[in-house]
Protein backbone atom coordinates (compact mmCIF):
# COMPACT_ATOMS: atom_id res chain seq x y z
CA UNK A 1 31.93 -26.11 122.67
CA UNK A 2 29.21 -28.20 121.05
CA UNK A 3 26.71 -25.34 121.43
CA UNK A 4 29.03 -22.82 119.76
CA UNK A 5 29.64 -25.11 116.80
CA UNK A 6 25.87 -25.62 116.27
CA UNK A 7 25.16 -21.85 116.21
CA UNK A 8 27.99 -21.22 113.75
CA UNK A 9 26.69 -23.93 111.34
CA UNK A 10 23.19 -22.44 111.21
CA UNK A 11 24.55 -19.00 110.28
CA UNK A 12 26.47 -20.52 107.38
CA UNK A 13 23.31 -22.01 105.65
CA UNK A 14 21.98 -20.07 102.58
CA UNK A 15 18.80 -18.04 103.05
CA UNK A 16 15.63 -19.01 101.06
CA UNK A 17 13.59 -15.93 102.04
CA UNK A 18 11.74 -14.34 98.88
CA UNK A 19 12.93 -10.88 98.07
CA UNK A 20 10.04 -8.32 97.88
CA UNK A 21 10.20 -4.87 96.51
CA UNK A 22 10.35 -1.96 98.82
CA UNK A 23 8.43 1.26 98.55
CA UNK A 24 11.46 2.97 97.06
CA UNK A 25 12.23 0.19 94.52
CA UNK A 26 9.93 0.04 91.52
CA UNK A 27 8.57 -3.37 90.63
CA UNK A 28 10.11 -5.02 87.58
CA UNK A 29 7.96 -4.93 84.41
CA UNK A 30 8.48 -7.66 81.83
CA UNK A 31 9.94 -6.29 78.59
CA UNK A 32 7.34 -6.77 75.80
CA UNK A 33 8.34 -8.76 72.71
CA UNK A 34 8.40 -6.78 69.47
CA UNK A 35 5.01 -6.97 67.65
CA UNK A 36 5.22 -7.70 63.93
CA UNK A 37 2.88 -5.43 61.86
CA UNK A 38 -0.07 -7.21 60.20
CA UNK A 39 -0.19 -6.59 56.47
CA UNK A 40 -3.53 -7.15 54.75
CA UNK A 41 -3.51 -9.33 51.66
CA UNK A 42 -4.41 -7.65 48.33
CA UNK A 43 -7.84 -9.27 48.34
CA UNK A 44 -8.62 -7.72 51.70
CA UNK A 45 -8.05 -4.13 50.54
CA UNK A 46 -11.21 -2.41 49.30
CA UNK A 47 -10.74 0.20 46.59
CA UNK A 48 -13.46 2.38 45.14
CA UNK A 49 -14.91 0.94 41.90
CA UNK A 50 -14.12 3.04 38.83
CA UNK A 51 -16.40 3.64 35.83
CA UNK A 52 -17.14 0.79 33.43
CA UNK A 53 -15.54 1.41 30.06
CA UNK A 54 -17.55 0.69 26.94
CA UNK A 55 -15.32 0.65 23.86
CA UNK A 56 -16.93 1.77 20.59
CA UNK A 57 -15.39 1.30 17.12
CA UNK A 58 -16.44 3.62 14.31
CA UNK A 59 -15.31 3.86 10.66
CA UNK A 60 -13.76 7.18 9.56
CA UNK A 61 -16.88 8.52 7.81
CA UNK A 62 -18.74 8.40 11.12
CA UNK A 63 -15.99 10.07 13.16
CA UNK A 64 -17.65 12.43 15.70
CA UNK A 65 -14.59 14.70 15.47
CA UNK A 66 -14.61 15.11 11.67
CA UNK A 67 -15.91 18.68 11.89
CA UNK A 68 -19.22 18.01 10.14
CA UNK A 69 -22.66 18.79 11.53
CA UNK A 70 -23.49 15.08 11.65
CA UNK A 71 -20.25 14.43 13.57
CA UNK A 72 -21.14 17.16 16.04
CA UNK A 73 -24.62 15.70 16.54
CA UNK A 74 -23.21 12.22 17.12
CA UNK A 75 -20.69 13.53 19.67
CA UNK A 76 -23.43 15.38 21.51
CA UNK A 77 -25.51 12.22 21.62
CA UNK A 78 -22.61 10.23 23.03
CA UNK A 79 -22.01 12.94 25.63
CA UNK A 80 -25.68 12.88 26.61
CA UNK A 81 -25.50 9.14 27.17
CA UNK A 82 -22.42 9.54 29.36
CA UNK A 83 -24.17 12.23 31.39
CA UNK A 84 -27.19 9.99 31.90
CA UNK A 85 -24.98 7.09 32.93
CA UNK A 86 -22.09 8.58 34.95
CA UNK A 87 -20.86 5.11 35.85
CA UNK A 88 -20.01 4.43 32.21
CA UNK A 89 -17.03 5.81 30.29
CA UNK A 90 -17.18 5.68 26.49
CA UNK A 91 -13.93 4.99 24.67
CA UNK A 92 -14.56 5.84 20.99
CA UNK A 93 -11.96 4.66 18.48
CA UNK A 94 -11.81 5.19 14.73
CA UNK A 95 -10.94 2.11 12.66
CA UNK A 96 -10.51 1.81 8.91
CA UNK A 97 -12.81 -0.63 7.14
CA UNK A 98 -10.38 -2.27 4.76
CA UNK A 99 -6.69 -3.13 4.50
CA UNK A 100 -4.21 -4.10 7.18
CA UNK A 101 -5.63 -3.28 10.57
CA UNK A 102 -9.13 -2.93 9.13
CA UNK A 103 -12.11 -3.74 11.27
CA UNK A 104 -12.47 -7.37 10.27
CA UNK A 105 -8.73 -8.08 10.64
CA UNK A 106 -8.64 -6.29 13.99
CA UNK A 107 -11.66 -8.23 15.25
CA UNK A 108 -10.13 -11.55 14.18
CA UNK A 109 -6.76 -10.77 15.78
CA UNK A 110 -8.24 -9.58 19.07
CA UNK A 111 -10.65 -12.51 19.25
CA UNK A 112 -7.79 -14.98 18.86
CA UNK A 113 -5.13 -13.39 21.05
CA UNK A 114 -6.66 -10.77 23.35
CA UNK A 115 -10.44 -11.05 23.82
CA UNK A 116 -10.34 -8.23 26.38
CA UNK A 117 -9.16 -5.92 23.60
CA UNK A 118 -12.33 -6.49 21.57
CA UNK A 119 -14.67 -3.54 21.17
CA UNK A 120 -17.99 -3.73 22.96
CA UNK A 121 -20.04 -1.97 20.29
CA UNK A 122 -19.08 -1.64 16.63
CA UNK A 123 -20.69 0.07 13.63
CA UNK A 124 -20.42 -2.10 10.53
CA UNK A 125 -21.64 -1.99 6.93
CA UNK A 126 -23.82 -4.92 5.98
CA UNK A 127 -21.08 -6.77 4.07
CA UNK A 128 -18.69 -6.73 7.04
CA UNK A 129 -21.48 -7.53 9.47
CA UNK A 130 -22.17 -10.68 7.47
CA UNK A 131 -18.50 -11.68 7.34
CA UNK A 132 -17.90 -11.02 11.04
CA UNK A 133 -21.04 -12.87 12.12
CA UNK A 134 -20.22 -15.91 9.96
CA UNK A 135 -16.73 -16.00 11.49
CA UNK A 136 -18.24 -16.03 14.98
CA UNK A 137 -16.86 -12.58 15.80
CA UNK A 138 -20.25 -11.05 16.64
CA UNK A 139 -22.89 -12.02 19.16
CA UNK A 140 -26.61 -12.21 18.26
CA UNK A 141 -28.97 -9.72 19.84
CA UNK A 142 -31.75 -12.24 20.38
CA UNK A 143 -33.13 -11.77 23.88
CA UNK A 144 -31.03 -8.65 24.53
CA UNK A 145 -33.26 -5.98 22.97
CA UNK A 146 -36.89 -5.41 22.12
CA UNK A 147 -36.27 -2.31 19.99
CA UNK A 148 -36.41 -4.37 16.78
CA UNK A 149 -40.04 -5.13 17.64
CA UNK A 150 -40.94 -1.49 17.02
CA UNK A 151 -43.36 -1.10 14.13
CA UNK A 152 -41.67 1.87 12.42
CA UNK A 153 -38.64 0.08 10.97
CA UNK A 154 -38.58 0.04 7.17
CA UNK A 155 -38.52 -3.43 5.65
CA UNK A 156 -35.00 -3.00 4.26
CA UNK A 157 -33.81 -2.12 7.79
CA UNK A 158 -35.32 -5.29 9.24
CA UNK A 159 -33.52 -7.27 6.52
CA UNK A 160 -30.32 -5.37 7.31
CA UNK A 161 -30.46 -6.40 10.98
CA UNK A 162 -30.93 -10.13 10.39
CA UNK A 163 -28.73 -12.98 9.27
CA UNK A 164 -29.74 -16.65 9.24
CA UNK A 165 -32.89 -15.94 11.27
CA UNK A 166 -31.03 -14.14 14.04
CA UNK A 167 -30.65 -10.43 14.75
CA UNK A 168 -27.03 -9.33 14.62
CA UNK A 169 -27.46 -5.57 14.41
CA UNK A 170 -29.59 -2.55 15.23
CA UNK A 171 -29.98 -0.47 12.02
CA UNK A 172 -28.41 2.99 12.07
CA UNK A 173 -28.18 4.31 8.49
CA UNK A 174 -29.15 3.19 5.01
CA UNK A 175 -28.49 3.79 1.33
CA UNK A 176 -30.30 2.78 -1.85
CA UNK A 177 -30.17 3.06 -5.63
CA UNK A 178 -32.28 5.79 -7.26
CA UNK A 179 -32.55 7.98 -10.35
CA UNK A 180 -31.06 11.44 -10.63
CA UNK A 181 -32.29 13.53 -13.55
CA UNK A 182 -32.48 17.10 -14.87
CA UNK A 183 -36.09 18.34 -15.02
CA UNK A 184 -35.15 20.80 -17.77
CA UNK A 185 -34.59 17.80 -20.07
CA UNK A 186 -36.86 15.21 -18.44
CA UNK A 187 -40.06 16.78 -17.05
CA UNK A 188 -41.18 13.61 -15.23
CA UNK A 189 -39.03 10.73 -13.99
CA UNK A 190 -39.45 7.44 -15.88
CA UNK A 191 -41.18 4.72 -13.94
CA UNK A 192 -40.86 1.69 -16.23
CA UNK A 193 -38.88 0.38 -19.20
CA UNK A 194 -41.16 2.04 -21.74
CA UNK A 195 -40.91 5.51 -20.17
CA UNK A 196 -37.12 5.24 -19.95
CA UNK A 197 -37.02 4.67 -23.69
CA UNK A 198 -39.39 7.58 -24.30
CA UNK A 199 -37.01 10.05 -22.62
CA UNK A 200 -34.60 9.63 -25.55
CA UNK A 201 -31.89 10.68 -23.09
CA UNK A 202 -28.69 8.75 -22.42
CA UNK A 203 -28.89 6.72 -19.22
CA UNK A 204 -25.65 6.72 -17.25
CA UNK A 205 -24.84 3.67 -15.12
CA UNK A 206 -21.87 1.33 -14.64
CA UNK A 207 -22.80 -1.58 -16.90
CA UNK A 208 -19.48 -3.29 -16.06
CA UNK A 209 -20.16 -3.09 -12.32
CA UNK A 210 -18.58 -6.22 -10.77
CA UNK A 211 -21.70 -6.61 -8.58
CA UNK A 212 -24.08 -5.86 -11.49
CA UNK A 213 -26.47 -4.17 -9.06
CA UNK A 214 -28.73 -2.43 -11.60
CA UNK A 215 -29.29 -5.65 -13.54
CA UNK A 216 -29.89 -7.50 -10.29
CA UNK A 217 -32.38 -4.88 -9.10
CA UNK A 218 -34.33 -4.92 -12.39
CA UNK A 219 -34.28 -8.73 -12.42
CA UNK A 220 -35.66 -8.97 -8.89
CA UNK A 221 -38.21 -6.24 -9.63
CA UNK A 222 -39.42 -8.45 -12.50
CA UNK A 223 -40.03 -11.22 -9.98
CA UNK A 224 -36.82 -13.15 -10.51
CA UNK A 225 -35.58 -15.30 -7.64
CA UNK A 226 -31.96 -15.45 -6.52
CA UNK A 227 -32.25 -18.60 -4.36
CA UNK A 228 -33.90 -21.96 -4.83
CA UNK A 229 -35.71 -23.89 -2.09
CA UNK A 230 -32.37 -25.25 -0.84
CA UNK A 231 -30.83 -21.80 -0.60
CA UNK A 232 -28.61 -22.24 -3.64
CA UNK A 233 -28.09 -19.34 -6.09
CA UNK A 234 -30.44 -19.45 -9.04
CA UNK A 235 -31.60 -17.37 -12.02
CA UNK A 236 -34.90 -17.45 -13.90
CA UNK A 237 -34.00 -17.25 -17.62
CA UNK A 238 -37.37 -15.74 -18.61
CA UNK A 239 -37.21 -12.92 -16.04
CA UNK A 240 -33.60 -12.19 -16.92
CA UNK A 241 -34.40 -12.18 -20.65
CA UNK A 242 -36.96 -9.43 -19.97
CA UNK A 243 -34.19 -7.20 -18.53
CA UNK A 244 -31.72 -8.03 -21.29
CA UNK A 245 -34.32 -7.21 -23.93
CA UNK A 246 -34.71 -3.76 -22.38
CA UNK A 247 -30.94 -3.26 -22.53
CA UNK A 248 -30.84 -4.20 -26.19
CA UNK A 249 -33.75 -1.95 -27.11
CA UNK A 250 -32.26 0.96 -25.12
CA UNK A 251 -28.87 0.47 -26.79
CA UNK A 252 -30.51 0.45 -30.22
CA UNK A 253 -32.34 3.70 -29.38
CA UNK A 254 -29.18 5.38 -28.09
CA UNK A 255 -30.55 5.55 -24.51
CA UNK A 256 -27.71 3.28 -23.42
CA UNK A 257 -24.37 4.10 -25.03
CA UNK A 258 -21.37 1.88 -25.61
CA UNK A 259 -19.53 3.97 -23.02
CA UNK A 260 -21.56 2.39 -20.20
CA UNK A 261 -19.84 -0.93 -20.93
CA UNK A 262 -16.54 0.69 -19.91
CA UNK A 263 -17.83 1.94 -16.54
CA UNK A 264 -17.23 -0.27 -13.54
CA UNK A 265 -17.90 2.12 -10.66
CA UNK A 266 -20.73 4.36 -9.63
CA UNK A 267 -18.27 7.26 -9.38
CA UNK A 268 -17.52 6.99 -13.11
CA UNK A 269 -21.16 7.09 -14.14
CA UNK A 270 -21.79 9.99 -11.77
CA UNK A 271 -18.87 11.89 -13.27
CA UNK A 272 -20.47 11.51 -16.72
CA UNK A 273 -23.72 12.87 -15.34
CA UNK A 274 -22.07 15.87 -13.68
CA UNK A 275 -20.12 16.53 -16.89
CA UNK A 276 -23.31 16.72 -18.93
CA UNK A 277 -22.71 13.52 -20.90
CA UNK A 278 -26.09 12.31 -19.69
CA UNK A 279 -29.19 13.87 -18.17
CA UNK A 280 -30.33 10.84 -16.22
CA UNK A 281 -28.26 8.51 -14.07
CA UNK A 282 -28.57 5.60 -11.69
CA UNK A 283 -26.75 6.41 -8.47
CA UNK A 284 -26.95 6.12 -4.68
CA UNK A 285 -29.17 8.30 -2.53
CA UNK A 286 -26.21 9.33 -0.35
CA UNK A 287 -24.35 10.60 -3.42
CA UNK A 288 -27.31 12.68 -4.54
CA UNK A 289 -27.94 14.16 -1.08
CA UNK A 290 -24.26 15.02 -0.61
CA UNK A 291 -24.35 17.49 -3.53
CA UNK A 292 -25.98 20.30 -1.57
CA UNK A 293 -28.84 22.73 -2.10
CA UNK A 294 -27.52 24.42 -5.25
CA UNK A 295 -27.24 21.09 -7.06
CA UNK A 296 -30.66 19.95 -5.84
CA UNK A 297 -32.22 23.17 -7.11
CA UNK A 298 -31.36 22.12 -10.69
CA UNK A 299 -31.58 18.35 -10.36
CA UNK A 300 -34.25 16.00 -9.10
CA UNK A 301 -34.33 12.42 -7.90
CA UNK A 302 -36.89 9.64 -7.93
CA UNK A 303 -37.18 5.96 -7.01
CA UNK A 304 -35.54 3.59 -9.46
CA UNK A 305 -37.62 2.46 -12.44
CA UNK A 306 -38.75 -1.14 -12.79
CA UNK A 307 -40.11 -3.35 -15.62
CA UNK A 308 -43.78 -2.69 -14.75
CA UNK A 309 -43.53 0.66 -12.95
CA UNK A 310 -43.86 -0.75 -9.44
CA UNK A 311 -41.04 0.84 -7.40
CA UNK A 312 -38.30 -1.59 -6.41
CA UNK A 313 -34.68 -0.89 -5.58
CA UNK A 314 -31.74 -2.49 -3.83
CA UNK A 315 -30.44 -1.08 -0.56
CA UNK A 316 -27.72 -1.59 1.98
CA UNK A 317 -26.79 0.05 5.27
CA UNK A 318 -24.97 0.19 8.58
CA UNK A 319 -25.84 -1.40 11.90
CA UNK A 320 -24.58 -1.46 15.49
CA UNK A 321 -23.28 -4.91 16.47
CA UNK A 322 -21.91 -6.62 19.59
CA UNK A 323 -18.35 -7.92 19.64
CA UNK A 324 -17.63 -8.29 23.36
CA UNK A 325 -18.12 -11.75 24.91
CA UNK A 326 -18.77 -10.22 28.36
CA UNK A 327 -22.49 -10.35 29.26
CA UNK A 328 -22.33 -7.21 31.43
CA UNK A 329 -20.71 -5.28 28.58
CA UNK A 330 -23.28 -6.59 26.11
CA UNK A 331 -26.20 -5.19 28.10
CA UNK A 332 -24.53 -1.77 28.35
CA UNK A 333 -23.66 -1.81 24.64
CA UNK A 334 -27.24 -2.63 23.68
CA UNK A 335 -28.44 0.22 25.87
CA UNK A 336 -26.11 2.60 24.03
CA UNK A 337 -27.11 1.25 20.59
CA UNK A 338 -30.78 1.71 21.45
CA UNK A 339 -30.09 5.29 22.54
CA UNK A 340 -28.29 6.00 19.25
CA UNK A 341 -31.18 4.64 17.18
CA UNK A 342 -34.09 6.50 18.76
CA UNK A 343 -36.25 8.22 16.16
CA UNK A 344 -35.73 11.72 17.52
CA UNK A 345 -31.96 11.47 17.17
CA UNK A 346 -31.98 9.57 13.86
CA UNK A 347 -34.29 12.17 12.39
CA UNK A 348 -31.86 15.01 12.99
CA UNK A 349 -28.71 12.98 12.32
CA UNK A 350 -29.78 11.34 9.02
CA UNK A 351 -30.94 14.73 7.71
CA UNK A 352 -27.51 16.21 8.46
CA UNK A 353 -25.51 13.17 7.32
CA UNK A 354 -27.51 12.47 4.15
CA UNK A 355 -28.35 8.83 4.86
CA UNK A 356 -31.57 6.92 4.35
CA UNK A 357 -33.36 6.62 7.71
CA UNK A 358 -34.01 3.08 8.92
CA UNK A 359 -37.24 4.22 10.65
CA UNK A 360 -40.22 5.94 9.04
CA UNK A 361 -40.68 8.16 12.11
CA UNK A 362 -37.10 9.41 11.72
CA UNK A 363 -38.13 11.59 8.77
CA UNK A 364 -40.08 14.05 10.91
CA UNK A 365 -37.20 16.53 11.38
CA UNK A 366 -36.17 16.68 7.72
CA UNK A 367 -36.75 20.34 6.84
CA UNK A 368 -36.60 19.85 3.07
CA UNK A 369 -40.02 18.40 2.32
CA UNK A 370 -39.00 17.31 -1.19
CA UNK A 371 -36.11 15.30 0.18
CA UNK A 372 -38.32 13.97 2.96
CA UNK A 373 -40.82 12.69 0.40
CA UNK A 374 -38.04 11.24 -1.75
CA UNK A 375 -36.40 9.41 1.16
CA UNK A 376 -39.72 7.90 2.23
CA UNK A 377 -40.54 6.73 -1.32
CA UNK A 378 -37.11 5.19 -1.77
CA UNK A 379 -37.15 3.55 1.66
CA UNK A 380 -40.57 2.01 1.08
CA UNK A 381 -39.39 0.42 -2.19
CA UNK A 382 -35.99 -0.70 -0.85
CA UNK A 383 -34.90 -4.27 -0.28
CA UNK A 384 -31.56 -5.45 1.02
CA UNK A 385 -29.40 -6.78 -1.77
CA UNK A 386 -28.36 -10.44 -1.54
CA UNK A 387 -25.71 -11.72 0.82
CA UNK A 388 -22.08 -11.62 -0.19
CA UNK A 389 -21.88 -15.33 -0.96
CA UNK A 390 -24.93 -15.13 -3.23
CA UNK A 391 -23.60 -12.04 -4.99
CA UNK A 392 -20.25 -13.68 -5.60
CA UNK A 393 -22.07 -16.41 -7.53
CA UNK A 394 -24.72 -14.33 -9.30
CA UNK A 395 -22.78 -11.20 -10.25
CA UNK A 396 -20.30 -12.64 -12.80
CA UNK A 397 -23.10 -14.27 -14.81
CA UNK A 398 -25.28 -11.14 -14.68
CA UNK A 399 -22.41 -8.82 -15.61
CA UNK A 400 -21.42 -10.94 -18.62
CA UNK A 401 -25.01 -11.11 -19.87
CA UNK A 402 -25.48 -7.34 -19.41
CA UNK A 403 -22.41 -6.46 -21.45
CA UNK A 404 -23.30 -8.92 -24.19
CA UNK A 405 -26.85 -7.58 -24.42
CA UNK A 406 -25.76 -3.94 -24.73
CA UNK A 407 -23.21 -4.88 -27.37
CA UNK A 408 -25.82 -6.93 -29.27
CA UNK A 409 -23.90 -10.17 -29.02
CA UNK A 410 -26.93 -12.46 -28.95
CA UNK A 411 -30.69 -12.48 -28.51
CA UNK A 412 -32.01 -11.90 -24.96
CA UNK A 413 -33.38 -15.40 -24.39
CA UNK A 414 -30.16 -17.08 -25.49
CA UNK A 415 -28.04 -14.74 -23.39
CA UNK A 416 -30.25 -15.35 -20.37
CA UNK A 417 -29.94 -19.12 -20.72
CA UNK A 418 -26.19 -18.79 -21.09
CA UNK A 419 -26.13 -16.82 -17.83
CA UNK A 420 -28.02 -19.63 -16.10
CA UNK A 421 -25.56 -22.17 -17.49
CA UNK A 422 -22.66 -19.97 -16.41
CA UNK A 423 -24.08 -19.87 -12.88
CA UNK A 424 -24.41 -23.64 -12.76
CA UNK A 425 -20.97 -24.21 -14.32
CA UNK A 426 -18.78 -21.23 -13.47
């Protein structure tokens, strides 16, 4: 009985033998956990670099798409640059010079609110280049280009590029005062005060010009200074009296008419000349060249006269300037500006556009040899007219003295001294 009970108890115990798979039972495989996809962060994704955009602002008269030959030449030059530098895309935009949205306003707004919207390269007339540079809207070119070291720049162009002993532009185009006359009435152009009087022809010019540029040019040609040693505006009464005496003598001889005192703009004086009211006129080189071959066949031009016959005239112009604060954009913009001011291109472009070349070597492609000679003579005698702040002080006194002299309202020396007093006590 005891033996049977013992055997029965052993059979009732649970078995601890490990279960093994048989040949017909596949082994169990652990079910893998779902794998979450790995997403790269934005900084880890490499995308091909696109072209670098260089934004260029141009005023309307220099629009490459304006249909003119000069516009076509400029567009071709821009296209050539893009072809040479395929990694650069040029974005050319046309901006008005004045009014709401004009270049200076647009530069100021972008500089204050959206610096990335600033142009990289901008073409500016001298007056706006001065204003923009003084407002801190332009960056000097010192150390960024060696092209201004070339020896073929005319002196007026070097003056055009500089402001307060720093280079702020690369000269592109110029303009200067000159004489236009009809050879059928005046066989040889007058060179000095005496020969102007000997023509006995009415001289057309805007005597009421708010900038009084002719008076200023004749005064500086006489050796008159416009700044003292401290940089303040000044006038030499003796040099100015010399110019006013010429005006009075010319008015008495009928060479300067009372009508000139009513003319404030160059366009008005030029209209008188075209209408036959005068046979000699002071005007701008660009205006004379824009008249075409038929006009030039019957009219001639010469450098502006001076008190002693030594050529001297006032000039202005246009220059490429840097507005972008980004160093990498500045180097590309300078490269483009240098390409646009090479002599070979400027030669062809200035001839087509009718501007005074800033380089002497840029006259080589001018096909009209008479105009080539004229442009060189004018450029050699050209000097940049004073800065805007100086003009704003000098011009009112010079204008008042000019009008009084022509009208005979005082002797030249007294009028000159009154102009000096007016300058000191506006």
